[in-house]
Amino acid sequence: MLKRGNPGILTVLGGPEVGHTPEKVCKDCPYVDVVVSGEGEEPFRQLLRAFLSDSLPCCLPGTTVRIESRILSQAGGPPLDLAALPYLFHKENKHYISSLSGKVHYETLRGCPHVCFFL
């Protein structure tokens, strides 16, 4: 419905529900523009930068992209160096951390093909 109302919206999917069958997802779901497979932090950052500069890249590692009627896949890149990521709970982020006070955060999965669950 979002795509019908605004065809220029970028639809990006990722995670275990779609990442293992990105070409099938793109073929079956014409409203999907990009599927990210594997670690998504770096490809998603690059996708956002490209989208904001009005150019959707077709060769980002770990992505499957719809370009008009073509579906193009690129193999994943090297594993992400977690030490290179900014530390969320650093004192410079104290405003963000304090804004979380009194809020509940949760993550949920539906229909994982790997039957994942958290205890």
PDB file of N, CA and C in Angstrom:
ATOM      1  N   MET A   1       0.834  -1.186   0.000  1.00  0.00           N
ATOM      2  CA  MET A   1       0.000   0.000   0.000  1.00  0.00           C
ATOM      3  C   MET A   1       0.880   1.251   0.000  1.00  0.00           C
ATOM      4  N   LEU A   2       2.023   1.189   0.711  1.00  0.00           N
ATOM      5  CA  LEU A   2       2.926   2.337   0.723  1.00  0.00           C
ATOM      6  C   LEU A   2       3.456   2.632  -0.677  1.00  0.00           C
ATOM      7  N   LYS A   3       3.829   1.605  -1.389  1.00  0.00           N
ATOM      8  CA  LYS A   3       4.370   1.772  -2.744  1.00  0.00           C
ATOM      9  C   LYS A   3       3.321   2.346  -3.696  1.00  0.00           C
ATOM     10  N   ARG A   4       2.067   1.945  -3.524  1.00  0.00           N
ATOM     11  CA  ARG A   4       1.026   2.499  -4.387  1.00  0.00           C
ATOM     12  C   ARG A   4       0.854   3.985  -4.130  1.00  0.00           C
ATOM     13  N   GLY A   5       0.925   4.379  -2.870  1.00  0.00           N
ATOM     14  CA  GLY A   5       0.762   5.779  -2.516  1.00  0.00           C
ATOM     15  C   GLY A   5       1.980   6.629  -2.836  1.00  0.00           C
ATOM     16  N   ASN A   6       3.162   6.019  -2.767  1.00  0.00           N
ATOM     17  CA  ASN A   6       4.406   6.748  -3.021  1.00  0.00           C
ATOM     18  C   ASN A   6       5.384   5.792  -3.704  1.00  0.00           C
ATOM     19  N   PRO A   7       5.336   5.680  -5.032  1.00  0.00           N
ATOM     20  CA  PRO A   7       6.193   4.732  -5.752  1.00  0.00           C
ATOM     21  C   PRO A   7       7.686   4.984  -5.550  1.00  0.00           C
ATOM     22  N   GLY A   8       8.079   6.168  -5.123  1.00  0.00           N
ATOM     23  CA  GLY A   8       9.490   6.483  -4.935  1.00  0.00           C
ATOM     24  C   GLY A   8      10.054   6.030  -3.605  1.00  0.00           C
ATOM     25  N   ILE A   9       9.233   5.442  -2.759  1.00  0.00           N
ATOM     26  CA  ILE A   9       9.703   4.985  -1.445  1.00  0.00           C
ATOM     27  C   ILE A   9      10.625   3.781  -1.632  1.00  0.00           C
ATOM     28  N   LEU A  10      11.682   3.723  -0.854  1.00  0.00           N
ATOM     29  CA  LEU A  10      12.642   2.617  -0.925  1.00  0.00           C
ATOM     30  C   LEU A  10      12.245   1.552   0.087  1.00  0.00           C
ATOM     31  N   THR A  11      12.035   0.333  -0.387  1.00  0.00           N
ATOM     32  CA  THR A  11      11.655  -0.772   0.485  1.00  0.00           C
ATOM     33  C   THR A  11      12.843  -1.717   0.623  1.00  0.00           C
ATOM     34  N   VAL A  12      13.365  -1.829   1.849  1.00  0.00           N
ATOM     35  CA  VAL A  12      14.529  -2.667   2.136  1.00  0.00           C
ATOM     36  C   VAL A  12      14.125  -3.712   3.162  1.00  0.00           C
ATOM     37  N   LEU A  13      14.411  -4.971   2.871  1.00  0.00           N
ATOM     38  CA  LEU A  13      14.146  -6.067   3.801  1.00  0.00           C
ATOM     39  C   LEU A  13      15.457  -6.734   4.172  1.00  0.00           C
ATOM     40  N   GLY A  14      15.477  -7.367   5.326  1.00  0.00           N
ATOM     41  CA  GLY A  14      16.647  -8.114   5.752  1.00  0.00           C
ATOM     42  C   GLY A  14      16.280  -9.014   6.913  1.00  0.00           C
ATOM     43  N   GLY A  15      17.234  -9.774   7.361  1.00  0.00           N
ATOM     44  CA  GLY A  15      17.004 -10.668   8.494  1.00  0.00           C
ATOM     45  C   GLY A  15      16.821 -12.101   8.047  1.00  0.00           C
ATOM     46  N   PRO A  16      16.681 -13.004   9.015  1.00  0.00           N
ATOM     47  CA  PRO A  16      16.622 -14.432   8.691  1.00  0.00           C
ATOM     48  C   PRO A  16      15.376 -14.829   7.905  1.00  0.00           C
ATOM     49  N   GLU A  17      14.322 -14.006   7.944  1.00  0.00           N
ATOM     50  CA  GLU A  17      13.102 -14.361   7.217  1.00  0.00           C
ATOM     51  C   GLU A  17      13.270 -14.232   5.713  1.00  0.00           C
ATOM     52  N   VAL A  18      14.131 -13.341   5.251  1.00  0.00           N
ATOM     53  CA  VAL A  18      14.277 -13.090   3.812  1.00  0.00           C
ATOM     54  C   VAL A  18      15.702 -13.233   3.310  1.00  0.00           C
ATOM     55  N   GLY A  19      16.684 -13.115   4.177  1.00  0.00           N
ATOM     56  CA  GLY A  19      18.077 -13.065   3.767  1.00  0.00           C
ATOM     57  C   GLY A  19      18.597 -14.312   3.099  1.00  0.00           C
ATOM     58  N   HIS A  20      17.989 -15.451   3.353  1.00  0.00           N
ATOM     59  CA  HIS A  20      18.488 -16.696   2.756  1.00  0.00           C
ATOM     60  C   HIS A  20      17.872 -16.977   1.384  1.00  0.00           C
ATOM     61  N   THR A  21      16.836 -16.226   0.979  1.00  0.00           N
ATOM     62  CA  THR A  21      16.222 -16.400  -0.338  1.00  0.00           C
ATOM     63  C   THR A  21      15.952 -15.033  -0.992  1.00  0.00           C
ATOM     64  N   PRO A  22      16.967 -14.186  -1.129  1.00  0.00           N
ATOM     65  CA  PRO A  22      16.713 -12.822  -1.591  1.00  0.00           C
ATOM     66  C   PRO A  22      16.163 -12.729  -3.015  1.00  0.00           C
ATOM     67  N   GLU A  23      16.630 -13.570  -3.934  1.00  0.00           N
ATOM     68  CA  GLU A  23      16.133 -13.512  -5.306  1.00  0.00           C
ATOM     69  C   GLU A  23      14.661 -13.895  -5.355  1.00  0.00           C
ATOM     70  N   LYS A  24      14.285 -14.930  -4.608  1.00  0.00           N
ATOM     71  CA  LYS A  24      12.883 -15.365  -4.567  1.00  0.00           C
ATOM     72  C   LYS A  24      12.002 -14.273  -3.987  1.00  0.00           C
ATOM     73  N   VAL A  25      12.472 -13.622  -2.927  1.00  0.00           N
ATOM     74  CA  VAL A  25      11.696 -12.543  -2.317  1.00  0.00           C
ATOM     75  C   VAL A  25      11.479 -11.420  -3.330  1.00  0.00           C
ATOM     76  N   CYS A  26      12.520 -11.046  -4.046  1.00  0.00           N
ATOM     77  CA  CYS A  26      12.392  -9.976  -5.043  1.00  0.00           C
ATOM     78  C   CYS A  26      11.462 -10.381  -6.187  1.00  0.00           C
ATOM     79  N   LYS A  27      11.521 -11.645  -6.606  1.00  0.00           N
ATOM     80  CA  LYS A  27      10.636 -12.113  -7.682  1.00  0.00           C
ATOM     81  C   LYS A  27       9.184 -12.166  -7.219  1.00  0.00           C
ATOM     82  N   ASP A  28       8.968 -12.651  -5.994  1.00  0.00           N
ATOM     83  CA  ASP A  28       7.607 -12.827  -5.482  1.00  0.00           C
ATOM     84  C   ASP A  28       6.975 -11.529  -4.985  1.00  0.00           C
ATOM     85  N   CYS A  29       7.782 -10.541  -4.642  1.00  0.00           N
ATOM     86  CA  CYS A  29       7.274  -9.304  -4.033  1.00  0.00           C
ATOM     87  C   CYS A  29       7.746  -8.110  -4.844  1.00  0.00           C
ATOM     88  N   PRO A  30       6.979  -7.666  -5.824  1.00  0.00           N
ATOM     89  CA  PRO A  30       7.427  -6.594  -6.711  1.00  0.00           C
ATOM     90  C   PRO A  30       7.621  -5.246  -6.011  1.00  0.00           C
ATOM     91  N   TYR A  31       7.129  -5.092  -4.811  1.00  0.00           N
ATOM     92  CA  TYR A  31       7.292  -3.833  -4.075  1.00  0.00           C
ATOM     93  C   TYR A  31       8.617  -3.765  -3.326  1.00  0.00           C
ATOM     94  N   VAL A  32       9.360  -4.856  -3.267  1.00  0.00           N
ATOM     95  CA  VAL A  32      10.647  -4.882  -2.569  1.00  0.00           C
ATOM     96  C   VAL A  32      11.742  -4.393  -3.515  1.00  0.00           C
ATOM     97  N   ASP A  33      12.509  -3.407  -3.058  1.00  0.00           N
ATOM     98  CA  ASP A  33      13.602  -2.868  -3.867  1.00  0.00           C
ATOM     99  C   ASP A  33      14.935  -3.547  -3.562  1.00  0.00           C
ATOM    100  N   VAL A  34      15.186  -3.823  -2.272  1.00  0.00           N
ATOM    101  CA  VAL A  34      16.478  -4.364  -1.848  1.00  0.00           C
ATOM    102  C   VAL A  34      16.255  -5.397  -0.746  1.00  0.00           C
ATOM    103  N   VAL A  35      17.011  -6.489  -0.823  1.00  0.00           N
ATOM    104  CA  VAL A  35      17.074  -7.455   0.272  1.00  0.00           C
ATOM    105  C   VAL A  35      18.530  -7.528   0.718  1.00  0.00           C
ATOM    106  N   VAL A  36      18.745  -7.361   2.013  1.00  0.00           N
ATOM    107  CA  VAL A  36      20.089  -7.439   2.582  1.00  0.00           C
ATOM    108  C   VAL A  36      20.243  -8.822   3.210  1.00  0.00           C
ATOM    109  N   SER A  37      21.296  -9.525   2.827  1.00  0.00           N
ATOM    110  CA  SER A  37      21.585 -10.852   3.377  1.00  0.00           C
ATOM    111  C   SER A  37      22.802 -10.760   4.285  1.00  0.00           C
ATOM    112  N   GLY A  38      22.776 -11.496   5.375  1.00  0.00           N
ATOM    113  CA  GLY A  38      23.901 -11.482   6.310  1.00  0.00           C
ATOM    114  C   GLY A  38      23.901 -10.212   7.148  1.00  0.00           C
ATOM    115  N   GLU A  39      25.085  -9.805   7.576  1.00  0.00           N
ATOM    116  CA  GLU A  39      25.203  -8.608   8.411  1.00  0.00           C
ATOM    117  C   GLU A  39      24.727  -7.391   7.625  1.00  0.00           C
ATOM    118  N   GLY A  40      23.852  -6.618   8.232  1.00  0.00           N
ATOM    119  CA  GLY A  40      23.236  -5.526   7.512  1.00  0.00           C
ATOM    120  C   GLY A  40      23.705  -4.134   7.866  1.00  0.00           C
ATOM    121  N   GLU A  41      24.528  -3.991   8.899  1.00  0.00           N
ATOM    122  CA  GLU A  41      24.898  -2.647   9.344  1.00  0.00           C
ATOM    123  C   GLU A  41      25.570  -1.831   8.238  1.00  0.00           C
ATOM    124  N   GLU A  42      26.588  -2.377   7.623  1.00  0.00           N
ATOM    125  CA  GLU A  42      27.329  -1.628   6.596  1.00  0.00           C
ATOM    126  C   GLU A  42      26.535  -1.490   5.296  1.00  0.00           C
ATOM    127  N   PRO A  43      25.926  -2.574   4.770  1.00  0.00           N
ATOM    128  CA  PRO A  43      25.130  -2.393   3.549  1.00  0.00           C
ATOM    129  C   PRO A  43      23.982  -1.400   3.750  1.00  0.00           C
ATOM    130  N   PHE A  44      23.335  -1.424   4.925  1.00  0.00           N
ATOM    131  CA  PHE A  44      22.217  -0.510   5.160  1.00  0.00           C
ATOM    132  C   PHE A  44      22.705   0.937   5.197  1.00  0.00           C
ATOM    133  N   ARG A  45      23.852   1.175   5.829  1.00  0.00           N
ATOM    134  CA  ARG A  45      24.430   2.522   5.864  1.00  0.00           C
ATOM    135  C   ARG A  45      24.716   3.002   4.441  1.00  0.00           C
ATOM    136  N   GLN A  46      25.305   2.125   3.632  1.00  0.00           N
ATOM    137  CA  GLN A  46      25.627   2.494   2.253  1.00  0.00           C
ATOM    138  C   GLN A  46      24.362   2.711   1.421  1.00  0.00           C
ATOM    139  N   LEU A  47      23.341   1.896   1.659  1.00  0.00           N
ATOM    140  CA  LEU A  47      22.067   2.077   0.950  1.00  0.00           C
ATOM    141  C   LEU A  47      21.446   3.428   1.288  1.00  0.00           C
ATOM    142  N   LEU A  48      21.451   3.796   2.556  1.00  0.00           N
ATOM    143  CA  LEU A  48      20.879   5.079   2.951  1.00  0.00           C
ATOM    144  C   LEU A  48      21.640   6.240   2.326  1.00  0.00           C
ATOM    145  N   ARG A  49      22.957   6.163   2.331  1.00  0.00           N
ATOM    146  CA  ARG A  49      23.758   7.219   1.707  1.00  0.00           C
ATOM    147  C   ARG A  49      23.437   7.341   0.216  1.00  0.00           C
ATOM    148  N   ALA A  50      23.342   6.209  -0.461  1.00  0.00           N
ATOM    149  CA  ALA A  50      23.038   6.227  -1.895  1.00  0.00           C
ATOM    150  C   ALA A  50      21.633   6.771  -2.141  1.00  0.00           C
ATOM    151  N   PHE A  51      20.680   6.337  -1.352  1.00  0.00           N
ATOM    152  CA  PHE A  51      19.296   6.786  -1.518  1.00  0.00           C
ATOM    153  C   PHE A  51      19.189   8.296  -1.312  1.00  0.00           C
ATOM    154  N   LEU A  52      19.885   8.804  -0.307  1.00  0.00           N
ATOM    155  CA  LEU A  52      19.846  10.242  -0.032  1.00  0.00           C
ATOM    156  C   LEU A  52      20.519  11.062  -1.127  1.00  0.00           C
ATOM    157  N   SER A  53      21.405  10.429  -1.894  1.00  0.00           N
ATOM    158  CA  SER A  53      22.038  11.136  -3.013  1.00  0.00           C
ATOM    159  C   SER A  53      21.375  10.764  -4.348  1.00  0.00           C
ATOM    160  N   ASP A  54      20.182  10.164  -4.266  1.00  0.00           N
ATOM    161  CA  ASP A  54      19.379   9.806  -5.450  1.00  0.00           C
ATOM    162  C   ASP A  54      20.060   8.826  -6.390  1.00  0.00           C
ATOM    163  N   SER A  55      20.852   7.909  -5.857  1.00  0.00           N
ATOM    164  CA  SER A  55      21.447   6.881  -6.706  1.00  0.00           C
ATOM    165  C   SER A  55      21.460   5.563  -5.947  1.00  0.00           C
ATOM    166  N   LEU A  56      20.686   4.623  -6.428  1.00  0.00           N
ATOM    167  CA  LEU A  56      20.626   3.315  -5.788  1.00  0.00           C
ATOM    168  C   LEU A  56      21.722   2.432  -6.368  1.00  0.00           C
ATOM    169  N   PRO A  57      22.674   2.018  -5.527  1.00  0.00           N
ATOM    170  CA  PRO A  57      23.765   1.185  -6.044  1.00  0.00           C
ATOM    171  C   PRO A  57      23.281  -0.235  -6.347  1.00  0.00           C
ATOM    172  N   CYS A  58      23.920  -0.854  -7.332  1.00  0.00           N
ATOM    173  CA  CYS A  58      23.509  -2.215  -7.695  1.00  0.00           C
ATOM    174  C   CYS A  58      24.545  -3.254  -7.293  1.00  0.00           C
ATOM    175  N   CYS A  59      25.604  -2.865  -6.642  1.00  0.00           N
ATOM    176  CA  CYS A  59      26.682  -3.810  -6.361  1.00  0.00           C
ATOM    177  C   CYS A  59      27.181  -3.742  -4.928  1.00  0.00           C
ATOM    178  N   LEU A  60      26.325  -3.459  -3.974  1.00  0.00           N
ATOM    179  CA  LEU A  60      26.767  -3.450  -2.578  1.00  0.00           C
ATOM    180  C   LEU A  60      26.899  -4.879  -2.072  1.00  0.00           C
ATOM    181  N   PRO A  61      27.979  -5.184  -1.375  1.00  0.00           N
ATOM    182  CA  PRO A  61      28.143  -6.543  -0.834  1.00  0.00           C
ATOM    183  C   PRO A  61      26.950  -6.935   0.041  1.00  0.00           C
ATOM    184  N   GLY A  62      26.465  -8.153  -0.176  1.00  0.00           N
ATOM    185  CA  GLY A  62      25.387  -8.682   0.655  1.00  0.00           C
ATOM    186  C   GLY A  62      24.003  -8.174   0.300  1.00  0.00           C
ATOM    187  N   THR A  63      23.832  -7.606  -0.900  1.00  0.00           N
ATOM    188  CA  THR A  63      22.513  -7.108  -1.275  1.00  0.00           C
ATOM    189  C   THR A  63      22.009  -7.740  -2.559  1.00  0.00           C
ATOM    190  N   THR A  64      20.704  -7.819  -2.654  1.00  0.00           N
ATOM    191  CA  THR A  64      20.018  -8.180  -3.885  1.00  0.00           C
ATOM    192  C   THR A  64      19.118  -7.002  -4.194  1.00  0.00           C
ATOM    193  N   VAL A  65      19.264  -6.438  -5.396  1.00  0.00           N
ATOM    194  CA  VAL A  65      18.604  -5.190  -5.745  1.00  0.00           C
ATOM    195  C   VAL A  65      17.739  -5.377  -6.983  1.00  0.00           C
ATOM    196  N   ARG A  66      16.579  -4.739  -6.956  1.00  0.00           N
ATOM    197  CA  ARG A  66      15.717  -4.719  -8.139  1.00  0.00           C
ATOM    198  C   ARG A  66      16.029  -3.428  -8.896  1.00  0.00           C
ATOM    199  N   ILE A  67      16.461  -3.554 -10.142  1.00  0.00           N
ATOM    200  CA  ILE A  67      16.686  -2.413 -11.027  1.00  0.00           C
ATOM    201  C   ILE A  67      15.756  -2.624 -12.214  1.00  0.00           C
ATOM    202  N   GLU A  68      14.647  -1.893 -12.221  1.00  0.00           N
ATOM    203  CA  GLU A  68      13.585  -2.067 -13.201  1.00  0.00           C
ATOM    204  C   GLU A  68      13.129  -3.523 -13.175  1.00  0.00           C
ATOM    205  N   SER A  69      13.291  -4.278 -14.257  1.00  0.00           N
ATOM    206  CA  SER A  69      12.825  -5.670 -14.258  1.00  0.00           C
ATOM    207  C   SER A  69      13.933  -6.660 -13.910  1.00  0.00           C
ATOM    208  N   ARG A  70      15.151  -6.176 -13.689  1.00  0.00           N
ATOM    209  CA  ARG A  70      16.283  -7.062 -13.387  1.00  0.00           C
ATOM    210  C   ARG A  70      16.483  -7.194 -11.884  1.00  0.00           C
ATOM    211  N   ILE A  71      16.945  -8.365 -11.473  1.00  0.00           N
ATOM    212  CA  ILE A  71      17.285  -8.612 -10.074  1.00  0.00           C
ATOM    213  C   ILE A  71      18.762  -8.963 -10.034  1.00  0.00           C
ATOM    214  N   LEU A  72      19.547  -8.135  -9.324  1.00  0.00           N
ATOM    215  CA  LEU A  72      20.999  -8.296  -9.275  1.00  0.00           C
ATOM    216  C   LEU A  72      21.438  -8.614  -7.861  1.00  0.00           C
ATOM    217  N   SER A  73      22.258  -9.646  -7.700  1.00  0.00           N
ATOM    218  CA  SER A  73      22.756 -10.054  -6.383  1.00  0.00           C
ATOM    219  C   SER A  73      24.258  -9.878  -6.305  1.00  0.00           C
ATOM    220  N   GLN A  74      24.707  -9.516  -5.131  1.00  0.00           N
ATOM    221  CA  GLN A  74      26.141  -9.381  -4.855  1.00  0.00           C
ATOM    222  C   GLN A  74      26.453 -10.198  -3.606  1.00  0.00           C
ATOM    223  N   ALA A  75      27.503 -10.991  -3.644  1.00  0.00           N
ATOM    224  CA  ALA A  75      27.909 -11.795  -2.487  1.00  0.00           C
ATOM    225  C   ALA A  75      28.252 -10.889  -1.309  1.00  0.00           C
ATOM    226  N   GLY A  76      28.148 -11.445  -0.121  1.00  0.00           N
ATOM    227  CA  GLY A  76      28.453 -10.684   1.092  1.00  0.00           C
ATOM    228  C   GLY A  76      29.921 -10.322   1.202  1.00  0.00           C
ATOM    229  N   GLY A  77      30.181  -9.283   1.979  1.00  0.00           N
ATOM    230  CA  GLY A  77      31.548  -8.827   2.197  1.00  0.00           C
ATOM    231  C   GLY A  77      32.171  -9.531   3.384  1.00  0.00           C
ATOM    232  N   PRO A  78      33.318  -9.044   3.828  1.00  0.00           N
ATOM    233  CA  PRO A  78      33.973  -9.654   4.982  1.00  0.00           C
ATOM    234  C   PRO A  78      33.158  -9.402   6.251  1.00  0.00           C
ATOM    235  N   PRO A  79      33.356 -10.216   7.294  1.00  0.00           N
ATOM    236  CA  PRO A  79      32.631 -10.008   8.547  1.00  0.00           C
ATOM    237  C   PRO A  79      32.889  -8.611   9.103  1.00  0.00           C
ATOM    238  N   LEU A  80      31.892  -8.065   9.742  1.00  0.00           N
ATOM    239  CA  LEU A  80      31.980  -6.741  10.326  1.00  0.00           C
ATOM    240  C   LEU A  80      32.912  -6.754  11.535  1.00  0.00           C
ATOM    241  N   ASP A  81      33.779  -5.760  11.628  1.00  0.00           N
ATOM    242  CA  ASP A  81      34.652  -5.611  12.788  1.00  0.00           C
ATOM    243  C   ASP A  81      33.865  -4.885  13.871  1.00  0.00           C
ATOM    244  N   LEU A  82      33.333  -5.618  14.821  1.00  0.00           N
ATOM    245  CA  LEU A  82      32.479  -5.031  15.853  1.00  0.00           C
ATOM    246  C   LEU A  82      33.206  -3.976  16.677  1.00  0.00           C
ATOM    247  N   ALA A  83      34.515  -4.096  16.792  1.00  0.00           N
ATOM    248  CA  ALA A  83      35.286  -3.108  17.551  1.00  0.00           C
ATOM    249  C   ALA A  83      35.278  -1.746  16.859  1.00  0.00           C
ATOM    250  N   ALA A  84      34.981  -1.720  15.562  1.00  0.00           N
ATOM    251  CA  ALA A  84      34.959  -0.459  14.823  1.00  0.00           C
ATOM    252  C   ALA A  84      33.644   0.304  14.985  1.00  0.00           C
ATOM    253  N   LEU A  85      32.627  -0.363  15.510  1.00  0.00           N
ATOM    254  CA  LEU A  85      31.336   0.290  15.705  1.00  0.00           C
ATOM    255  C   LEU A  85      31.380   1.208  16.920  1.00  0.00           C
ATOM    256  N   PRO A  86      30.655   2.325  16.874  1.00  0.00           N
ATOM    257  CA  PRO A  86      30.635   3.199  18.054  1.00  0.00           C
ATOM    258  C   PRO A  86      29.955   2.507  19.228  1.00  0.00           C
ATOM    259  N   TYR A  87      30.447   2.749  20.393  1.00  0.00           N
ATOM    260  CA  TYR A  87      29.898   2.146  21.606  1.00  0.00           C
ATOM    261  C   TYR A  87      28.654   2.931  22.008  1.00  0.00           C
ATOM    262  N   LEU A  88      27.518   2.277  21.988  1.00  0.00           N
ATOM    263  CA  LEU A  88      26.246   2.929  22.245  1.00  0.00           C
ATOM    264  C   LEU A  88      26.186   3.583  23.624  1.00  0.00           C
ATOM    265  N   PHE A  89      26.766   2.943  24.631  1.00  0.00           N
ATOM    266  CA  PHE A  89      26.624   3.428  26.004  1.00  0.00           C
ATOM    267  C   PHE A  89      27.778   4.331  26.420  1.00  0.00           C
ATOM    268  N   HIS A  90      28.465   4.926  25.456  1.00  0.00           N
ATOM    269  CA  HIS A  90      29.542   5.861  25.750  1.00  0.00           C
ATOM    270  C   HIS A  90      28.949   7.130  26.364  1.00  0.00           C
ATOM    271  N   LYS A  91      29.712   7.816  27.188  1.00  0.00           N
ATOM    272  CA  LYS A  91      29.210   9.014  27.874  1.00  0.00           C
ATOM    273  C   LYS A  91      28.736  10.083  26.897  1.00  0.00           C
ATOM    274  N   GLU A  92      29.257  10.077  25.665  1.00  0.00           N
ATOM    275  CA  GLU A  92      28.804  11.043  24.670  1.00  0.00           C
ATOM    276  C   GLU A  92      27.355  10.796  24.250  1.00  0.00           C
ATOM    277  N   ASN A  93      26.856   9.608  24.505  1.00  0.00           N
ATOM    278  CA  ASN A  93      25.482   9.256  24.144  1.00  0.00           C
ATOM    279  C   ASN A  93      24.538   9.329  25.337  1.00  0.00           C
ATOM    280  N   LYS A  94      24.918  10.017  26.387  1.00  0.00           N
ATOM    281  CA  LYS A  94      24.105  10.004  27.610  1.00  0.00           C
ATOM    282  C   LYS A  94      22.701  10.568  27.373  1.00  0.00           C
ATOM    283  N   HIS A  95      22.535  11.515  26.441  1.00  0.00           N
ATOM    284  CA  HIS A  95      21.205  12.038  26.161  1.00  0.00           C
ATOM    285  C   HIS A  95      20.311  10.936  25.596  1.00  0.00           C
ATOM    286  N   TYR A  96      20.855  10.144  24.664  1.00  0.00           N
ATOM    287  CA  TYR A  96      20.087   9.032  24.096  1.00  0.00           C
ATOM    288  C   TYR A  96      19.734   8.018  25.176  1.00  0.00           C
ATOM    289  N   ILE A  97      20.716   7.657  25.980  1.00  0.00           N
ATOM    290  CA  ILE A  97      20.485   6.669  27.032  1.00  0.00           C
ATOM    291  C   ILE A  97      19.429   7.171  28.012  1.00  0.00           C
ATOM    292  N   SER A  98      19.513   8.434  28.418  1.00  0.00           N
ATOM    293  CA  SER A  98      18.537   8.953  29.377  1.00  0.00           C
ATOM    294  C   SER A  98      17.139   9.031  28.756  1.00  0.00           C
ATOM    295  N   SER A  99      17.048   9.169  27.432  1.00  0.00           N
ATOM    296  CA  SER A  99      15.732   9.221  26.796  1.00  0.00           C
ATOM    297  C   SER A  99      15.032   7.861  26.827  1.00  0.00           C
ATOM    298  N   LEU A 100      15.761   6.793  27.115  1.00  0.00           N
ATOM    299  CA  LEU A 100      15.179   5.451  27.177  1.00  0.00           C
ATOM    300  C   LEU A 100      14.518   5.151  28.515  1.00  0.00           C
ATOM    301  N   SER A 101      14.719   6.017  29.483  1.00  0.00           N
ATOM    302  CA  SER A 101      14.203   5.788  30.827  1.00  0.00           C
ATOM    303  C   SER A 101      12.684   5.594  30.798  1.00  0.00           C
ATOM    304  N   GLY A 102      12.238   4.525  31.437  1.00  0.00           N
ATOM    305  CA  GLY A 102      10.809   4.243  31.530  1.00  0.00           C
ATOM    306  C   GLY A 102      10.218   3.596  30.294  1.00  0.00           C
ATOM    307  N   LYS A 103      11.044   3.226  29.319  1.00  0.00           N
ATOM    308  CA  LYS A 103      10.545   2.605  28.094  1.00  0.00           C
ATOM    309  C   LYS A 103      10.949   1.139  28.067  1.00  0.00           C
ATOM    310  N   VAL A 104      10.143   0.345  27.414  1.00  0.00           N
ATOM    311  CA  VAL A 104      10.430  -1.080  27.259  1.00  0.00           C
ATOM    312  C   VAL A 104      10.792  -1.326  25.799  1.00  0.00           C
ATOM    313  N   HIS A 105      11.892  -2.014  25.561  1.00  0.00           N
ATOM    314  CA  HIS A 105      12.324  -2.347  24.211  1.00  0.00           C
ATOM    315  C   HIS A 105      12.261  -3.859  24.057  1.00  0.00           C
ATOM    316  N   TYR A 106      11.736  -4.309  22.929  1.00  0.00           N
ATOM    317  CA  TYR A 106      11.678  -5.745  22.705  1.00  0.00           C
ATOM    318  C   TYR A 106      11.863  -6.033  21.228  1.00  0.00           C
ATOM    319  N   GLU A 107      12.263  -7.249  20.952  1.00  0.00           N
ATOM    320  CA  GLU A 107      12.441  -7.703  19.578  1.00  0.00           C
ATOM    321  C   GLU A 107      11.643  -8.979  19.425  1.00  0.00           C
ATOM    322  N   THR A 108      11.028  -9.130  18.291  1.00  0.00           N
ATOM    323  CA  THR A 108      10.235 -10.329  18.065  1.00  0.00           C
ATOM    324  C   THR A 108      10.506 -10.852  16.656  1.00  0.00           C
ATOM    325  N   LEU A 109      10.361 -12.126  16.463  1.00  0.00           N
ATOM    326  CA  LEU A 109      10.498 -12.755  15.151  1.00  0.00           C
ATOM    327  C   LEU A 109       9.222 -13.511  14.852  1.00  0.00           C
ATOM    328  N   ARG A 110       8.827 -13.483  13.587  1.00  0.00           N
ATOM    329  CA  ARG A 110       7.669 -14.262  13.166  1.00  0.00           C
ATOM    330  C   ARG A 110       8.078 -15.117  11.992  1.00  0.00           C
ATOM    331  N   GLY A 111       7.775 -16.361  12.015  1.00  0.00           N
ATOM    332  CA  GLY A 111       7.969 -17.215  10.870  1.00  0.00           C
ATOM    333  C   GLY A 111       9.402 -17.491  10.466  1.00  0.00           C
ATOM    334  N   CYS A 112      10.307 -17.498  11.411  1.00  0.00           N
ATOM    335  CA  CYS A 112      11.704 -17.760  11.071  1.00  0.00           C
ATOM    336  C   CYS A 112      11.837 -19.171  10.495  1.00  0.00           C
ATOM    337  N   PRO A 113      12.436 -19.323   9.306  1.00  0.00           N
ATOM    338  CA  PRO A 113      12.566 -20.644   8.708  1.00  0.00           C
ATOM    339  C   PRO A 113      13.552 -21.535   9.449  1.00  0.00           C
ATOM    340  N   HIS A 114      14.317 -20.973  10.346  1.00  0.00           N
ATOM    341  CA  HIS A 114      15.295 -21.742  11.109  1.00  0.00           C
ATOM    342  C   HIS A 114      14.772 -22.108  12.488  1.00  0.00           C
ATOM    343  N   VAL A 115      13.511 -21.821  12.768  1.00  0.00           N
ATOM    344  CA  VAL A 115      12.856 -22.091  14.039  1.00  0.00           C
ATOM    345  C   VAL A 115      13.663 -21.497  15.191  1.00  0.00           C
ATOM    346  N   CYS A 116      14.085 -20.257  15.027  1.00  0.00           N
ATOM    347  CA  CYS A 116      14.827 -19.562  16.075  1.00  0.00           C
ATOM    348  C   CYS A 116      13.886 -19.119  17.195  1.00  0.00           C
ATOM    349  N   PHE A 117      14.408 -19.060  18.386  1.00  0.00           N
ATOM    350  CA  PHE A 117      13.631 -18.515  19.501  1.00  0.00           C
ATOM    351  C   PHE A 117      14.598 -18.097  20.594  1.00  0.00           C
ATOM    352  N   PHE A 118      14.113 -17.234  21.472  1.00  0.00           N
ATOM    353  CA  PHE A 118      14.903 -16.765  22.591  1.00  0.00           C
ATOM    354  C   PHE A 118      14.242 -17.199  23.876  1.00  0.00           C
ATOM    355  N   LEU A 119      15.030 -17.613  24.837  1.00  0.00           N
ATOM    356  CA  LEU A 119      14.480 -17.990  26.155  1.00  0.00           C
ATOM    357  C   LEU A 119      14.590 -16.851  27.110  1.00  0.00           C
TER     358      LEU A 119
END
